Protein backbone atom coordinates (compact mmCIF):
# COMPACT_ATOMS: atom_id res chain seq x y z
CA MET A 1 -133.34 -71.85 1.17
CA SER A 2 -130.82 -71.86 -1.62
CA ALA A 3 -131.74 -70.99 -5.28
CA PRO A 4 -131.00 -74.50 -6.62
CA ARG A 5 -133.27 -76.03 -3.83
CA LYS A 6 -136.12 -73.57 -4.73
CA ILE A 7 -135.72 -74.42 -8.43
CA PHE A 8 -135.88 -78.24 -7.50
CA TYR A 9 -139.06 -77.68 -5.42
CA LEU A 10 -140.68 -75.57 -8.15
CA LEU A 11 -139.93 -78.13 -10.83
CA SER A 12 -141.19 -80.94 -8.61
CA PHE A 13 -144.38 -79.03 -7.98
CA LEU A 14 -144.86 -78.29 -11.68
CA SER A 15 -144.32 -82.00 -12.53
CA VAL A 16 -147.01 -83.10 -10.00
CA LEU A 17 -149.36 -80.53 -11.52
CA LEU A 18 -148.68 -81.77 -15.08
CA ILE A 19 -149.22 -85.44 -14.04
CA PHE A 20 -152.44 -84.52 -12.22
CA ASN A 21 -153.78 -82.40 -15.11
CA THR A 22 -153.06 -85.21 -17.62
CA ALA A 23 -154.81 -87.74 -15.44
CA VAL A 24 -157.93 -85.60 -14.75
CA TYR A 25 -158.28 -83.96 -18.19
CA SER A 26 -160.85 -85.63 -20.46
CA GLU A 27 -161.30 -84.78 -24.02
CA THR A 28 -164.71 -83.10 -24.67
CA PRO A 29 -167.08 -84.68 -27.17
CA LYS A 30 -166.46 -81.80 -29.61
CA GLU A 31 -162.68 -82.24 -29.36
CA LYS A 32 -163.09 -85.96 -29.94
CA CYS A 33 -165.26 -85.30 -33.01
CA LEU A 34 -162.77 -82.79 -34.40
CA ALA A 35 -159.90 -85.29 -33.82
CA PHE A 36 -161.97 -88.00 -35.58
CA LEU A 37 -162.50 -85.77 -38.59
CA LYS A 38 -158.77 -84.83 -38.75
CA LYS A 39 -157.55 -88.35 -38.47
CA GLY A 40 -160.23 -89.60 -40.82
CA LYS A 41 -159.35 -87.10 -43.48
CA GLU A 42 -155.66 -87.96 -43.10
CA LEU A 43 -156.34 -91.72 -43.47
CA LEU A 44 -158.64 -91.25 -46.43
CA GLU A 45 -156.14 -89.12 -48.24
CA LYS A 46 -153.19 -91.52 -47.39
CA SER A 47 -154.73 -94.94 -47.66
CA GLY A 48 -157.85 -94.57 -49.82
CA ARG A 49 -161.54 -95.35 -49.24
CA GLU A 50 -161.33 -99.09 -48.76
CA GLU A 51 -158.78 -99.05 -46.02
CA ALA A 52 -160.28 -95.92 -44.35
CA PHE A 53 -163.82 -97.27 -44.42
CA LYS A 54 -162.61 -100.53 -42.87
CA GLN A 55 -161.11 -98.65 -40.00
CA PHE A 56 -164.02 -96.24 -39.67
CA ASP A 57 -166.29 -99.28 -39.27
CA ASP A 58 -164.18 -101.22 -36.79
CA LEU A 59 -166.33 -101.30 -33.66
CA LYS A 60 -163.22 -101.72 -31.55
CA GLY A 61 -161.14 -99.29 -33.51
CA LYS A 62 -160.02 -95.71 -33.02
CA PHE A 63 -162.95 -94.12 -34.98
CA ILE A 64 -165.79 -95.20 -32.73
CA ASP A 65 -166.21 -94.08 -29.16
CA GLY A 66 -169.57 -94.56 -27.54
CA ASP A 67 -172.09 -92.53 -29.61
CA ILE A 68 -169.34 -90.78 -31.54
CA TYR A 69 -168.46 -92.25 -34.91
CA LEU A 70 -167.90 -91.35 -38.58
CA TYR A 71 -170.07 -91.65 -41.65
CA THR A 72 -169.29 -90.61 -45.20
CA LEU A 73 -171.43 -88.91 -47.74
CA THR A 74 -170.92 -88.12 -51.49
CA MET A 75 -171.52 -84.55 -52.62
CA ASP A 76 -174.91 -85.56 -53.96
CA GLY A 77 -176.20 -87.08 -50.70
CA LYS A 78 -175.44 -90.75 -51.02
CA CYS A 79 -174.24 -92.43 -47.79
CA ILE A 80 -171.27 -94.67 -48.79
CA GLN A 81 -170.10 -95.55 -45.26
CA HIS A 82 -171.75 -95.62 -41.89
CA ALA A 83 -169.99 -97.07 -38.84
CA ILE A 84 -173.25 -97.91 -36.91
CA ASN A 85 -176.16 -98.12 -39.30
CA LYS A 86 -175.29 -100.31 -42.30
CA LYS A 87 -178.81 -99.99 -43.64
CA LEU A 88 -177.97 -96.40 -44.73
CA VAL A 89 -174.97 -97.42 -46.92
CA ASN A 90 -175.65 -96.88 -50.60
CA LEU A 91 -178.90 -94.96 -49.91
CA ASP A 92 -179.66 -91.41 -50.85
CA VAL A 93 -180.00 -89.68 -47.48
CA ASN A 94 -180.36 -86.18 -48.88
CA ARG A 95 -183.98 -85.94 -47.72
CA VAL A 96 -183.40 -87.26 -44.17
CA LYS A 97 -185.08 -85.01 -41.55
CA ASP A 98 -184.46 -84.53 -37.93
CA SER A 99 -187.36 -84.71 -35.38
CA SER A 100 -188.34 -81.11 -36.17
CA GLY A 101 -188.40 -81.63 -39.99
CA LYS A 102 -185.03 -80.04 -40.67
CA LEU A 103 -183.21 -81.43 -43.71
CA PHE A 104 -179.92 -81.49 -41.98
CA ILE A 105 -178.03 -83.79 -44.43
CA GLN A 106 -179.06 -81.48 -47.26
CA GLU A 107 -177.80 -78.50 -45.23
CA ILE A 108 -174.47 -80.30 -44.67
CA ILE A 109 -174.11 -80.92 -48.34
CA GLU A 110 -175.04 -77.37 -49.36
CA THR A 111 -172.59 -75.96 -46.90
CA ALA A 112 -169.81 -78.31 -47.99
CA LYS A 113 -170.20 -76.98 -51.58
CA THR A 114 -168.77 -73.64 -50.42
CA LYS A 115 -166.81 -74.51 -47.24
CA ASP A 116 -164.34 -77.27 -46.40
CA SER A 117 -165.80 -77.83 -42.93
CA GLY A 118 -168.66 -76.73 -40.74
CA ALA A 119 -171.10 -77.52 -38.03
CA ILE A 120 -174.86 -77.88 -37.86
CA SER A 121 -177.33 -78.28 -35.04
CA TYR A 122 -180.28 -80.75 -35.18
CA HIS A 123 -182.24 -83.08 -33.00
CA TRP A 124 -181.78 -86.87 -33.09
CA THR A 125 -182.76 -89.91 -31.08
CA HIS A 126 -180.15 -90.72 -28.37
CA PRO A 127 -179.16 -94.42 -28.80
CA GLU A 128 -179.24 -95.14 -25.10
CA THR A 129 -182.23 -93.13 -23.84
CA LYS A 130 -184.24 -93.23 -27.07
CA LYS A 131 -185.21 -89.67 -26.29
CA ILE A 132 -184.88 -86.76 -28.80
CA LYS A 133 -181.77 -84.82 -27.91
CA PRO A 134 -180.01 -81.82 -29.42
CA LYS A 135 -176.97 -82.83 -31.48
CA GLU A 136 -174.12 -80.93 -33.06
CA GLY A 137 -172.99 -82.42 -36.42
CA LEU A 138 -169.45 -81.57 -37.55
CA PHE A 139 -168.24 -82.21 -41.05
CA GLN A 140 -165.05 -82.08 -43.15
CA LYS A 141 -164.81 -82.16 -46.93
CA VAL A 142 -162.19 -84.53 -48.27
CA LYS A 143 -160.78 -84.88 -51.76
CA ASP A 144 -159.45 -88.26 -52.87
CA ALA A 145 -158.59 -89.80 -56.19
CA ALA A 146 -162.26 -90.61 -56.86
CA GLY A 147 -163.62 -87.24 -56.05
CA GLU A 148 -165.01 -85.21 -53.13
CA LEU A 149 -166.49 -86.67 -49.97
CA ILE A 150 -167.95 -85.41 -46.84
CA LEU A 151 -166.92 -86.95 -43.48
CA VAL A 152 -169.46 -86.40 -40.81
CA THR A 153 -169.55 -86.95 -37.03
CA GLY A 154 -171.43 -85.53 -34.18
CA TYR A 155 -172.10 -85.40 -30.47
CA TYR A 156 -175.08 -84.81 -28.16
CA THR A 157 -175.02 -81.38 -26.64
CA ASP A 158 -177.29 -82.29 -23.78
CA GLU A 159 -175.98 -85.42 -21.98
CA SER A 160 -178.68 -85.39 -19.30
CA LYS A 161 -180.49 -88.66 -19.18
């Protein structure tokens, strides 16, 4: 077999692998959360709170995917945006506890005072099963014209039903 023919077959094979890998690969929940935080931070910094919150809250938009969504806290623990639970907006959520009594919001805020981003493990009710499940919360501090905010998202680490 000639060298050009071998190269052709090799490139054809690699193309098929690339197409197959793209079709099969699925973003993990953690990767999706990190992407939400990155895109959310960029949107907040570029377009401001009003436009960003509008997009974060759009149930058919790019910042909600199943049980993964964004919510926004002030540095003193006030929830100023929540994509799913509007009852939390404008409330002080600093004392919210998980099922084991962990003050996870308070921990997010304290960590955000010294770090720009981080993660926290806690237990929360799964919206579909209504069972308490382990959840990983990820957050990103954002500075805008009005001050500092904390963008938060999370994913269930045990997806068994």
